[in-house]
Amino acid sequence: MIKSDALIAALKKLTFLVSLVLLSSCHRDPSGELVLFDFESDTELDHLSWSCHTLYSLSSDHATHGAKSLKLELFPSDYPGLIPILAVKDWQGFKELCFDVYNPTKNMVRIVVRIDDRKDYPDYDDRYNKSFILKPGSNHLSIPLDTLVASGTKRHLNLAQIHRLFIFMANPEKKTTLYIDSIKVLKK
């Protein structure tokens, strides 16, 4: 009994410490923005879901917030891209999701943003999906949160429980490199 009590106490401490680490990866500033990811340290790489056909690394190239950005190398496959693990799932009171993407190619590149407000992985018709065309060079994307509606049902997503954010390419024919920085939600 004593061993199990000590184990439970140790698990509670560990859970508390993990929560602190996750919350420290995002921060609010007085201007009303909540920075979800700014890719300034290797610890942020631990908050990404790693998958085949996508390589992540920190880069000093094309940073828009701080000194570093996230370099994404997307290889030909179905849906390579960025899947950050969100520490803050309640986006109520915020007005828009913003992030910066640098496209180093000479061509337009199409990316897709997907947002889920359910723990399970909802079908296409029951989640937010939108394509964006990236011009060569710097791109600033801004998505008003009041436009987050499910693709098929047209229901508004529940901003109190945003479970997943995906930024990806659909079926790229060749390797594509992009740089992403300053993923945040704003009150403005």
N, C-alpha and C. Protein backbone atom coordinates (compact mmCIF):
# COMPACT_ATOMS: atom_id res chain seq x y z
N MET A 1 0.82 -1.19 0.00
CA MET A 1 0.00 0.00 0.00
C MET A 1 0.86 1.26 0.00
N ILE A 2 1.93 1.25 0.78
CA ILE A 2 2.81 2.43 0.84
C ILE A 2 3.48 2.66 -0.50
N LYS A 3 3.91 1.57 -1.15
CA LYS A 3 4.54 1.71 -2.46
C LYS A 3 3.58 2.31 -3.47
N SER A 4 2.32 1.86 -3.47
CA SER A 4 1.37 2.38 -4.44
C SER A 4 1.05 3.86 -4.15
N ASP A 5 0.99 4.26 -2.88
CA ASP A 5 0.77 5.67 -2.55
C ASP A 5 1.94 6.53 -3.03
N ALA A 6 3.15 6.03 -2.86
CA ALA A 6 4.33 6.76 -3.32
C ALA A 6 4.34 6.85 -4.85
N LEU A 7 3.92 5.77 -5.49
CA LEU A 7 3.86 5.77 -6.96
C LEU A 7 2.82 6.78 -7.45
N ILE A 8 1.67 6.81 -6.81
CA ILE A 8 0.62 7.75 -7.20
C ILE A 8 1.11 9.18 -7.00
N ALA A 9 1.77 9.45 -5.88
CA ALA A 9 2.30 10.80 -5.62
C ALA A 9 3.34 11.18 -6.67
N ALA A 10 4.21 10.24 -7.02
CA ALA A 10 5.24 10.51 -8.04
C ALA A 10 4.59 10.77 -9.40
N LEU A 11 3.55 10.01 -9.75
CA LEU A 11 2.86 10.23 -11.02
C LEU A 11 2.16 11.58 -11.06
N LYS A 12 1.59 12.00 -9.93
CA LYS A 12 0.95 13.31 -9.88
C LYS A 12 1.99 14.42 -10.08
N LYS A 13 3.16 14.27 -9.46
CA LYS A 13 4.23 15.27 -9.64
C LYS A 13 4.69 15.30 -11.09
N LEU A 14 4.84 14.13 -11.68
CA LEU A 14 5.28 14.05 -13.08
C LEU A 14 4.25 14.70 -13.99
N THR A 15 2.97 14.43 -13.76
CA THR A 15 1.90 15.03 -14.57
C THR A 15 1.93 16.55 -14.44
N PHE A 16 2.15 17.05 -13.24
CA PHE A 16 2.23 18.50 -13.02
C PHE A 16 3.41 19.09 -13.78
N LEU A 17 4.57 18.44 -13.71
CA LEU A 17 5.76 18.95 -14.40
C LEU A 17 5.58 18.94 -15.92
N VAL A 18 4.99 17.88 -16.44
CA VAL A 18 4.74 17.81 -17.89
C VAL A 18 3.79 18.93 -18.31
N SER A 19 2.76 19.19 -17.50
CA SER A 19 1.83 20.29 -17.81
C SER A 19 2.54 21.63 -17.84
N LEU A 20 3.44 21.85 -16.88
CA LEU A 20 4.20 23.10 -16.87
C LEU A 20 5.06 23.25 -18.11
N VAL A 21 5.71 22.18 -18.52
CA VAL A 21 6.56 22.23 -19.71
C VAL A 21 5.72 22.53 -20.95
N LEU A 22 4.57 21.86 -21.08
CA LEU A 22 3.72 22.10 -22.24
C LEU A 22 3.20 23.53 -22.27
N LEU A 23 2.80 24.05 -21.13
CA LEU A 23 2.29 25.42 -21.09
C LEU A 23 3.39 26.44 -21.32
N SER A 24 4.63 26.10 -20.96
CA SER A 24 5.72 27.06 -21.18
C SER A 24 6.08 27.17 -22.65
N SER A 25 5.65 26.21 -23.47
CA SER A 25 5.97 26.29 -24.89
C SER A 25 5.09 27.30 -25.62
N CYS A 26 4.06 27.79 -24.97
CA CYS A 26 3.27 28.86 -25.55
C CYS A 26 3.17 29.96 -24.51
N HIS A 27 3.01 31.17 -24.98
CA HIS A 27 2.93 32.27 -24.02
C HIS A 27 2.03 33.38 -24.53
N ARG A 28 1.41 34.05 -23.56
CA ARG A 28 0.56 35.19 -23.88
C ARG A 28 1.40 36.45 -23.69
N ASP A 29 1.11 37.44 -24.50
CA ASP A 29 1.75 38.72 -24.25
C ASP A 29 0.65 39.74 -24.04
N PRO A 30 1.00 40.87 -23.46
CA PRO A 30 -0.03 41.85 -23.11
C PRO A 30 -0.85 42.36 -24.29
N SER A 31 -0.35 42.23 -25.50
CA SER A 31 -1.09 42.74 -26.66
C SER A 31 -2.27 41.84 -27.02
N GLY A 32 -2.40 40.71 -26.34
CA GLY A 32 -3.54 39.84 -26.62
C GLY A 32 -3.25 38.73 -27.59
N GLU A 33 -1.98 38.40 -27.79
CA GLU A 33 -1.70 37.27 -28.66
C GLU A 33 -1.22 36.11 -27.83
N LEU A 34 -1.55 34.93 -28.28
CA LEU A 34 -1.10 33.69 -27.66
C LEU A 34 -0.23 32.99 -28.69
N VAL A 35 1.07 32.96 -28.45
CA VAL A 35 2.00 32.30 -29.36
C VAL A 35 1.95 30.80 -29.06
N LEU A 36 1.49 30.04 -30.03
CA LEU A 36 1.41 28.59 -29.88
C LEU A 36 2.76 27.94 -30.15
N PHE A 37 3.44 28.41 -31.21
CA PHE A 37 4.76 27.89 -31.57
C PHE A 37 5.57 29.00 -32.22
N ASP A 38 6.81 29.18 -31.74
CA ASP A 38 7.70 30.14 -32.40
C ASP A 38 9.03 29.48 -32.79
N PHE A 39 9.18 28.20 -32.49
CA PHE A 39 10.30 27.39 -32.98
C PHE A 39 11.67 27.95 -32.62
N GLU A 40 11.83 28.39 -31.39
CA GLU A 40 13.09 28.96 -30.94
C GLU A 40 14.02 27.94 -30.29
N SER A 41 13.51 26.77 -29.90
CA SER A 41 14.37 25.81 -29.21
C SER A 41 14.03 24.38 -29.63
N ASP A 42 14.99 23.51 -29.43
CA ASP A 42 14.81 22.10 -29.77
C ASP A 42 13.65 21.47 -29.00
N THR A 43 13.34 22.00 -27.81
CA THR A 43 12.24 21.40 -27.04
C THR A 43 10.91 21.52 -27.79
N GLU A 44 10.77 22.53 -28.64
CA GLU A 44 9.53 22.64 -29.41
C GLU A 44 9.38 21.49 -30.41
N LEU A 45 10.49 20.94 -30.86
CA LEU A 45 10.42 19.81 -31.78
C LEU A 45 9.78 18.60 -31.10
N ASP A 46 9.87 18.54 -29.75
CA ASP A 46 9.23 17.46 -29.01
C ASP A 46 7.71 17.60 -29.01
N HIS A 47 7.18 18.76 -29.41
CA HIS A 47 5.74 19.01 -29.42
C HIS A 47 5.17 18.91 -30.83
N LEU A 48 5.86 18.16 -31.68
CA LEU A 48 5.39 17.91 -33.04
C LEU A 48 5.16 16.42 -33.21
N SER A 49 4.11 16.06 -33.91
CA SER A 49 3.87 14.66 -34.24
C SER A 49 4.73 14.33 -35.45
N TRP A 50 5.65 13.44 -35.26
CA TRP A 50 6.57 13.07 -36.34
C TRP A 50 5.93 11.97 -37.17
N SER A 51 6.07 12.09 -38.49
CA SER A 51 5.51 11.08 -39.38
C SER A 51 6.43 10.91 -40.59
N CYS A 52 6.21 9.82 -41.29
CA CYS A 52 7.00 9.56 -42.49
C CYS A 52 6.75 10.65 -43.53
N HIS A 53 7.72 10.89 -44.35
CA HIS A 53 7.64 11.81 -45.49
C HIS A 53 7.67 13.28 -45.12
N THR A 54 7.98 13.59 -43.84
CA THR A 54 8.14 14.97 -43.41
C THR A 54 9.34 15.04 -42.48
N LEU A 55 10.25 15.96 -42.76
CA LEU A 55 11.38 16.19 -41.87
C LEU A 55 11.27 17.59 -41.29
N TYR A 56 11.51 17.71 -39.98
CA TYR A 56 11.48 18.99 -39.29
C TYR A 56 12.88 19.32 -38.81
N SER A 57 13.25 20.58 -38.88
CA SER A 57 14.48 21.05 -38.25
C SER A 57 14.36 22.55 -38.00
N LEU A 58 15.07 23.03 -36.99
CA LEU A 58 15.09 24.47 -36.73
C LEU A 58 16.07 25.12 -37.69
N SER A 59 15.75 26.34 -38.10
CA SER A 59 16.59 27.04 -39.06
C SER A 59 16.70 28.51 -38.67
N SER A 60 17.84 29.10 -38.97
CA SER A 60 17.97 30.55 -38.76
C SER A 60 17.50 31.31 -40.01
N ASP A 61 17.07 30.60 -41.03
CA ASP A 61 16.56 31.22 -42.25
C ASP A 61 15.08 31.56 -42.11
N HIS A 62 14.70 32.71 -42.59
CA HIS A 62 13.30 33.12 -42.77
C HIS A 62 12.49 33.17 -41.47
N ALA A 63 13.14 33.49 -40.35
CA ALA A 63 12.43 33.66 -39.08
C ALA A 63 11.69 34.99 -39.09
N THR A 64 10.47 34.98 -38.58
CA THR A 64 9.68 36.22 -38.47
C THR A 64 9.43 36.59 -37.02
N HIS A 65 9.69 35.68 -36.11
CA HIS A 65 9.50 35.92 -34.67
C HIS A 65 10.69 35.27 -33.98
N GLY A 66 11.54 36.05 -33.38
CA GLY A 66 12.74 35.48 -32.76
C GLY A 66 13.81 35.24 -33.81
N ALA A 67 14.69 34.29 -33.52
CA ALA A 67 15.85 34.04 -34.38
C ALA A 67 15.72 32.81 -35.27
N LYS A 68 14.69 31.98 -35.03
CA LYS A 68 14.60 30.72 -35.78
C LYS A 68 13.20 30.50 -36.34
N SER A 69 13.16 29.63 -37.33
CA SER A 69 11.90 29.17 -37.92
C SER A 69 11.95 27.64 -37.98
N LEU A 70 10.85 27.04 -38.39
CA LEU A 70 10.81 25.59 -38.57
C LEU A 70 10.95 25.30 -40.06
N LYS A 71 11.99 24.55 -40.41
CA LYS A 71 12.18 24.12 -41.79
C LYS A 71 11.44 22.80 -41.97
N LEU A 72 10.52 22.78 -42.94
CA LEU A 72 9.76 21.58 -43.27
C LEU A 72 10.23 21.05 -44.61
N GLU A 73 10.60 19.80 -44.65
CA GLU A 73 10.93 19.14 -45.91
C GLU A 73 9.84 18.11 -46.15
N LEU A 74 9.03 18.35 -47.18
CA LEU A 74 7.86 17.53 -47.48
C LEU A 74 8.14 16.68 -48.72
N PHE A 75 8.07 15.38 -48.55
CA PHE A 75 8.41 14.45 -49.63
C PHE A 75 7.14 13.92 -50.28
N PRO A 76 7.23 13.50 -51.55
CA PRO A 76 6.06 12.96 -52.24
C PRO A 76 5.40 11.83 -51.43
N SER A 77 4.13 12.03 -51.12
CA SER A 77 3.31 11.09 -50.35
C SER A 77 1.90 11.68 -50.30
N ASP A 78 1.00 11.06 -49.56
CA ASP A 78 -0.38 11.54 -49.53
C ASP A 78 -0.51 12.92 -48.88
N TYR A 79 -0.12 13.06 -47.62
CA TYR A 79 -0.36 14.31 -46.89
C TYR A 79 0.80 14.67 -45.97
N PRO A 80 1.98 14.96 -46.49
CA PRO A 80 3.07 15.34 -45.60
C PRO A 80 2.85 16.74 -45.04
N GLY A 81 3.27 16.96 -43.79
CA GLY A 81 3.11 18.29 -43.24
C GLY A 81 3.37 18.38 -41.76
N LEU A 82 2.97 19.48 -41.20
CA LEU A 82 3.19 19.82 -39.80
C LEU A 82 1.96 19.47 -38.98
N ILE A 83 2.19 18.71 -37.90
CA ILE A 83 1.12 18.37 -36.96
C ILE A 83 1.64 18.70 -35.56
N PRO A 84 1.45 19.94 -35.12
CA PRO A 84 1.90 20.30 -33.77
C PRO A 84 0.95 19.74 -32.71
N ILE A 85 1.50 19.40 -31.55
CA ILE A 85 0.69 18.95 -30.42
C ILE A 85 0.31 20.21 -29.63
N LEU A 86 -0.95 20.54 -29.63
CA LEU A 86 -1.42 21.78 -29.02
C LEU A 86 -1.49 21.66 -27.50
N ALA A 87 -0.80 22.55 -26.81
CA ALA A 87 -0.88 22.61 -25.35
C ALA A 87 -2.11 23.38 -24.92
N VAL A 88 -2.50 24.38 -25.70
CA VAL A 88 -3.68 25.19 -25.41
C VAL A 88 -4.75 24.84 -26.43
N LYS A 89 -5.84 24.26 -25.94
CA LYS A 89 -6.92 23.82 -26.83
C LYS A 89 -8.13 24.75 -26.79
N ASP A 90 -8.13 25.71 -25.88
CA ASP A 90 -9.25 26.65 -25.75
C ASP A 90 -8.88 27.95 -26.44
N TRP A 91 -9.49 28.21 -27.59
CA TRP A 91 -9.23 29.42 -28.37
C TRP A 91 -10.37 30.42 -28.24
N GLN A 92 -11.25 30.23 -27.28
CA GLN A 92 -12.34 31.18 -27.07
C GLN A 92 -11.76 32.55 -26.73
N GLY A 93 -12.40 33.59 -27.20
CA GLY A 93 -11.95 34.94 -26.92
C GLY A 93 -10.90 35.45 -27.90
N PHE A 94 -10.42 34.59 -28.77
CA PHE A 94 -9.47 35.00 -29.80
C PHE A 94 -10.21 35.19 -31.11
N LYS A 95 -9.64 36.00 -31.99
CA LYS A 95 -10.31 36.36 -33.24
C LYS A 95 -9.72 35.69 -34.48
N GLU A 96 -8.39 35.40 -34.45
CA GLU A 96 -7.80 34.83 -35.66
C GLU A 96 -6.58 33.96 -35.33
N LEU A 97 -6.36 33.00 -36.21
CA LEU A 97 -5.17 32.17 -36.20
C LEU A 97 -4.25 32.72 -37.27
N CYS A 98 -2.99 32.96 -36.93
CA CYS A 98 -2.02 33.51 -37.88
C CYS A 98 -0.74 32.70 -37.86
N PHE A 99 -0.07 32.65 -38.98
CA PHE A 99 1.28 32.11 -39.04
C PHE A 99 1.94 32.57 -40.32
N ASP A 100 3.26 32.48 -40.33
CA ASP A 100 4.06 32.90 -41.47
C ASP A 100 4.67 31.68 -42.15
N VAL A 101 4.65 31.71 -43.48
CA VAL A 101 5.25 30.63 -44.26
C VAL A 101 6.13 31.26 -45.33
N TYR A 102 7.35 30.79 -45.42
CA TYR A 102 8.26 31.24 -46.48
C TYR A 102 8.38 30.12 -47.51
N ASN A 103 8.10 30.46 -48.75
CA ASN A 103 8.18 29.53 -49.87
C ASN A 103 9.45 29.87 -50.67
N PRO A 104 10.54 29.09 -50.54
CA PRO A 104 11.78 29.41 -51.23
C PRO A 104 11.81 29.05 -52.72
N THR A 105 10.74 28.44 -53.21
CA THR A 105 10.71 28.06 -54.62
C THR A 105 10.29 29.24 -55.49
N LYS A 106 10.40 29.07 -56.78
CA LYS A 106 9.96 30.09 -57.74
C LYS A 106 8.51 29.87 -58.16
N ASN A 107 7.90 28.82 -57.62
CA ASN A 107 6.54 28.44 -58.00
C ASN A 107 5.55 28.67 -56.86
N MET A 108 4.28 28.79 -57.22
CA MET A 108 3.21 28.81 -56.23
C MET A 108 3.11 27.42 -55.61
N VAL A 109 2.81 27.37 -54.33
CA VAL A 109 2.67 26.10 -53.62
C VAL A 109 1.32 26.13 -52.90
N ARG A 110 0.58 25.04 -53.01
CA ARG A 110 -0.71 24.95 -52.32
C ARG A 110 -0.54 24.15 -51.03
N ILE A 111 -0.98 24.75 -49.92
CA ILE A 111 -1.02 24.03 -48.66
C ILE A 111 -2.46 23.97 -48.18
N VAL A 112 -2.71 23.08 -47.23
CA VAL A 112 -4.04 22.92 -46.65
C VAL A 112 -3.90 23.09 -45.14
N VAL A 113 -4.86 23.80 -44.55
CA VAL A 113 -4.95 23.90 -43.10
C VAL A 113 -6.19 23.12 -42.68
N ARG A 114 -5.98 22.23 -41.74
CA ARG A 114 -7.08 21.42 -41.19
C ARG A 114 -7.12 21.67 -39.69
N ILE A 115 -8.31 21.85 -39.15
CA ILE A 115 -8.48 22.04 -37.71
C ILE A 115 -9.61 21.13 -37.25
N ASP A 116 -9.34 20.36 -36.19
CA ASP A 116 -10.32 19.43 -35.61
C ASP A 116 -10.74 19.95 -34.24
N ASP A 117 -12.03 19.87 -33.96
CA ASP A 117 -12.52 20.23 -32.63
C ASP A 117 -13.08 19.01 -31.89
N ARG A 118 -12.69 17.84 -32.33
CA ARG A 118 -13.09 16.59 -31.67
C ARG A 118 -11.85 15.76 -31.40
N LYS A 119 -11.90 14.96 -30.33
CA LYS A 119 -10.75 14.11 -29.99
C LYS A 119 -10.51 13.03 -31.03
N ASP A 120 -11.60 12.45 -31.53
CA ASP A 120 -11.43 11.45 -32.58
C ASP A 120 -11.03 12.19 -33.86
N TYR A 121 -10.72 11.48 -34.86
CA TYR A 121 -10.32 12.10 -36.12
C TYR A 121 -11.55 12.18 -37.02
N PRO A 122 -12.22 13.36 -37.03
CA PRO A 122 -13.48 13.46 -37.77
C PRO A 122 -13.27 13.35 -39.28
N ASP A 123 -14.33 12.92 -39.94
CA ASP A 123 -14.32 12.84 -41.40
C ASP A 123 -14.18 14.24 -42.00
N TYR A 124 -13.83 14.28 -43.26
CA TYR A 124 -13.63 15.55 -43.97
C TYR A 124 -14.79 16.51 -43.79
N ASP A 125 -16.02 16.00 -43.86
CA ASP A 125 -17.20 16.86 -43.78
C ASP A 125 -17.42 17.47 -42.40
N ASP A 126 -16.74 16.95 -41.36
CA ASP A 126 -16.98 17.41 -39.99
C ASP A 126 -15.74 18.04 -39.36
N ARG A 127 -14.94 18.72 -40.18
CA ARG A 127 -13.75 19.43 -39.69
C ARG A 127 -13.50 20.62 -40.62
N TYR A 128 -12.67 21.53 -40.15
CA TYR A 128 -12.30 22.69 -40.98
C TYR A 128 -11.19 22.27 -41.94
N ASN A 129 -11.32 22.61 -43.21
CA ASN A 129 -10.32 22.33 -44.24
C ASN A 129 -10.31 23.52 -45.20
N LYS A 130 -9.15 24.08 -45.43
CA LYS A 130 -9.07 25.17 -46.40
C LYS A 130 -7.71 25.17 -47.05
N SER A 131 -7.69 25.37 -48.36
CA SER A 131 -6.45 25.47 -49.12
C SER A 131 -6.00 26.92 -49.21
N PHE A 132 -4.69 27.10 -49.22
CA PHE A 132 -4.08 28.42 -49.39
C PHE A 132 -2.98 28.30 -50.43
N ILE A 133 -2.86 29.29 -51.28
CA ILE A 133 -1.79 29.32 -52.28
C ILE A 133 -0.68 30.22 -51.75
N LEU A 134 0.53 29.66 -51.67
CA LEU A 134 1.69 30.41 -51.22
C LEU A 134 2.44 30.94 -52.43
N LYS A 135 2.64 32.22 -52.48
CA LYS A 135 3.46 32.81 -53.53
C LYS A 135 4.93 32.59 -53.17
N PRO A 136 5.84 32.70 -54.11
CA PRO A 136 7.26 32.62 -53.77
C PRO A 136 7.62 33.71 -52.75
N GLY A 137 8.44 33.35 -51.78
CA GLY A 137 8.85 34.30 -50.75
C GLY A 137 7.96 34.25 -49.53
N SER A 138 7.84 35.40 -48.84
CA SER A 138 7.12 35.49 -47.57
C SER A 138 5.61 35.49 -47.76
N ASN A 139 4.93 34.76 -46.89
CA ASN A 139 3.47 34.70 -46.88
C ASN A 139 3.00 34.77 -45.43
N HIS A 140 2.04 35.63 -45.18
CA HIS A 140 1.43 35.71 -43.85
C HIS A 140 -0.02 35.24 -44.00
N LEU A 141 -0.36 34.15 -43.30
CA LEU A 141 -1.71 33.62 -43.38
C LEU A 141 -2.48 33.98 -42.12
N SER A 142 -3.70 34.41 -42.32
CA SER A 142 -4.58 34.80 -41.22
C SER A 142 -5.94 34.17 -41.46
N ILE A 143 -6.41 33.42 -40.47
CA ILE A 143 -7.70 32.74 -40.58
C ILE A 143 -8.61 33.24 -39.46
N PRO A 144 -9.63 34.04 -39.80
CA PRO A 144 -10.57 34.48 -38.76
C PRO A 144 -11.23 33.26 -38.11
N LEU A 145 -11.23 33.21 -36.78
CA LEU A 145 -11.77 32.04 -36.09
C LEU A 145 -13.27 31.89 -36.28
N ASP A 146 -13.97 32.99 -36.60
CA ASP A 146 -15.41 32.85 -36.84
C ASP A 146 -15.71 32.21 -38.19
N THR A 147 -14.67 31.95 -39.01
CA THR A 147 -14.86 31.24 -40.28
C THR A 147 -14.54 29.75 -40.16
N LEU A 148 -14.23 29.29 -38.95
CA LEU A 148 -13.92 27.87 -38.76
C LEU A 148 -15.22 27.07 -38.74
N VAL A 149 -15.62 26.62 -39.91
CA VAL A 149 -16.81 25.80 -40.03
C VAL A 149 -16.43 24.48 -40.69
N ALA A 150 -17.16 23.43 -40.32
CA ALA A 150 -16.91 22.11 -40.89
C ALA A 150 -17.25 22.14 -42.39
N SER A 151 -16.42 21.48 -43.16
CA SER A 151 -16.52 21.53 -44.63
C SER A 151 -17.86 21.08 -45.18
N GLY A 152 -18.43 20.05 -44.61
CA GLY A 152 -19.68 19.53 -45.16
C GLY A 152 -20.91 19.95 -44.39
N THR A 153 -20.85 19.92 -43.08
CA THR A 153 -22.03 20.20 -42.26
C THR A 153 -22.23 21.69 -42.04
N LYS A 154 -21.20 22.49 -42.27
CA LYS A 154 -21.22 23.95 -42.08
C LYS A 154 -21.44 24.36 -40.62
N ARG A 155 -21.26 23.43 -39.67
CA ARG A 155 -21.38 23.80 -38.26
C ARG A 155 -20.11 24.54 -37.85
N HIS A 156 -20.25 25.49 -36.95
CA HIS A 156 -19.10 26.22 -36.44
C HIS A 156 -18.32 25.32 -35.47
N LEU A 157 -17.00 25.31 -35.60
CA LEU A 157 -16.18 24.53 -34.69
C LEU A 157 -16.30 25.09 -33.28
N ASN A 158 -16.15 24.21 -32.31
CA ASN A 158 -16.19 24.58 -30.90
C ASN A 158 -14.82 25.10 -30.50
N LEU A 159 -14.67 26.41 -30.36
CA LEU A 159 -13.37 27.01 -30.05
C LEU A 159 -12.87 26.67 -28.66
N ALA A 160 -13.72 26.12 -27.81
CA ALA A 160 -13.29 25.72 -26.47
C ALA A 160 -12.52 24.41 -26.48
N GLN A 161 -12.57 23.70 -27.60
CA GLN A 161 -11.89 22.41 -27.65
C GLN A 161 -11.27 22.14 -29.02
N ILE A 162 -10.23 22.89 -29.33
CA ILE A 162 -9.49 22.66 -30.56
C ILE A 162 -8.46 21.58 -30.27
N HIS A 163 -8.61 20.44 -30.90
CA HIS A 163 -7.75 19.30 -30.59
C HIS A 163 -6.55 19.16 -31.52
N ARG A 164 -6.71 19.56 -32.79
CA ARG A 164 -5.62 19.37 -33.73
C ARG A 164 -5.57 20.48 -34.75
N LEU A 165 -4.35 20.78 -35.16
CA LEU A 165 -4.07 21.71 -36.25
C LEU A 165 -3.09 20.99 -37.18
N PHE A 166 -3.43 20.94 -38.45
CA PHE A 166 -2.56 20.35 -39.46
C PHE A 166 -2.25 21.43 -40.49
N ILE A 167 -1.00 21.50 -40.93
CA ILE A 167 -0.62 22.35 -42.05
C ILE A 167 0.14 21.42 -42.99
N PHE A 168 -0.43 21.13 -44.16
CA PHE A 168 0.14 20.07 -44.99
C PHE A 168 -0.04 20.35 -46.47
N MET A 169 0.60 19.51 -47.27
CA MET A 169 0.40 19.50 -48.71
C MET A 169 -0.34 18.22 -49.07
N ALA A 170 -1.16 18.29 -50.08
CA ALA A 170 -1.87 17.10 -50.56
C ALA A 170 -1.14 16.57 -51.80
N ASN A 171 -0.59 15.39 -51.68
CA ASN A 171 0.03 14.68 -52.79
C ASN A 171 1.08 15.48 -53.57
N PRO A 172 2.09 16.04 -52.90
CA PRO A 172 3.11 16.75 -53.68
C PRO A 172 3.84 15.79 -54.62
N GLU A 173 4.14 16.27 -55.80
CA GLU A 173 4.80 15.43 -56.79
C GLU A 173 6.31 15.39 -56.61
N LYS A 174 6.85 16.41 -55.93
CA LYS A 174 8.30 16.42 -55.68
C LYS A 174 8.55 16.98 -54.29
N LYS A 175 9.76 16.79 -53.81
CA LYS A 175 10.13 17.31 -52.49
C LYS A 175 9.94 18.83 -52.49
N THR A 176 9.32 19.33 -51.41
CA THR A 176 9.08 20.76 -51.26
C THR A 176 9.59 21.17 -49.88
N THR A 177 10.30 22.28 -49.82
CA THR A 177 10.78 22.83 -48.56
C THR A 177 10.02 24.12 -48.27
N LEU A 178 9.54 24.25 -47.04
CA LEU A 178 8.87 25.46 -46.57
C LEU A 178 9.43 25.81 -45.20
N TYR A 179 9.30 27.07 -44.82
CA TYR A 179 9.71 27.54 -43.49
C TYR A 179 8.49 28.14 -42.83
N ILE A 180 8.17 27.68 -41.62
CA ILE A 180 7.01 28.17 -40.89
C ILE A 180 7.48 28.81 -39.59
N ASP A 181 6.81 29.90 -39.22
CA ASP A 181 7.15 30.57 -37.96
C ASP A 181 5.92 31.27 -37.39
N SER A 182 6.00 31.52 -36.10
CA SER A 182 5.06 32.36 -35.37
C SER A 182 3.60 31.93 -35.54
N ILE A 183 3.30 30.70 -35.12
CA ILE A 183 1.92 30.23 -35.12
C ILE A 183 1.27 30.77 -33.85
N LYS A 184 0.22 31.58 -34.04
CA LYS A 184 -0.40 32.22 -32.87
C LYS A 184 -1.87 32.50 -33.12
N VAL A 185 -2.58 32.74 -32.02
CA VAL A 185 -3.96 33.21 -32.09
C VAL A 185 -3.97 34.61 -31.49
N LEU A 186 -4.76 35.49 -32.12
CA LEU A 186 -4.80 36.91 -31.73
C LEU A 186 -6.19 37.31 -31.27
N LYS A 187 -6.22 38.24 -30.34
CA LYS A 187 -7.50 38.79 -29.87
C LYS A 187 -8.00 39.92 -30.76
N LYS A 188 -7.13 40.53 -31.55
CA LYS A 188 -7.49 41.71 -32.38
C LYS A 188 -8.54 41.36 -33.40
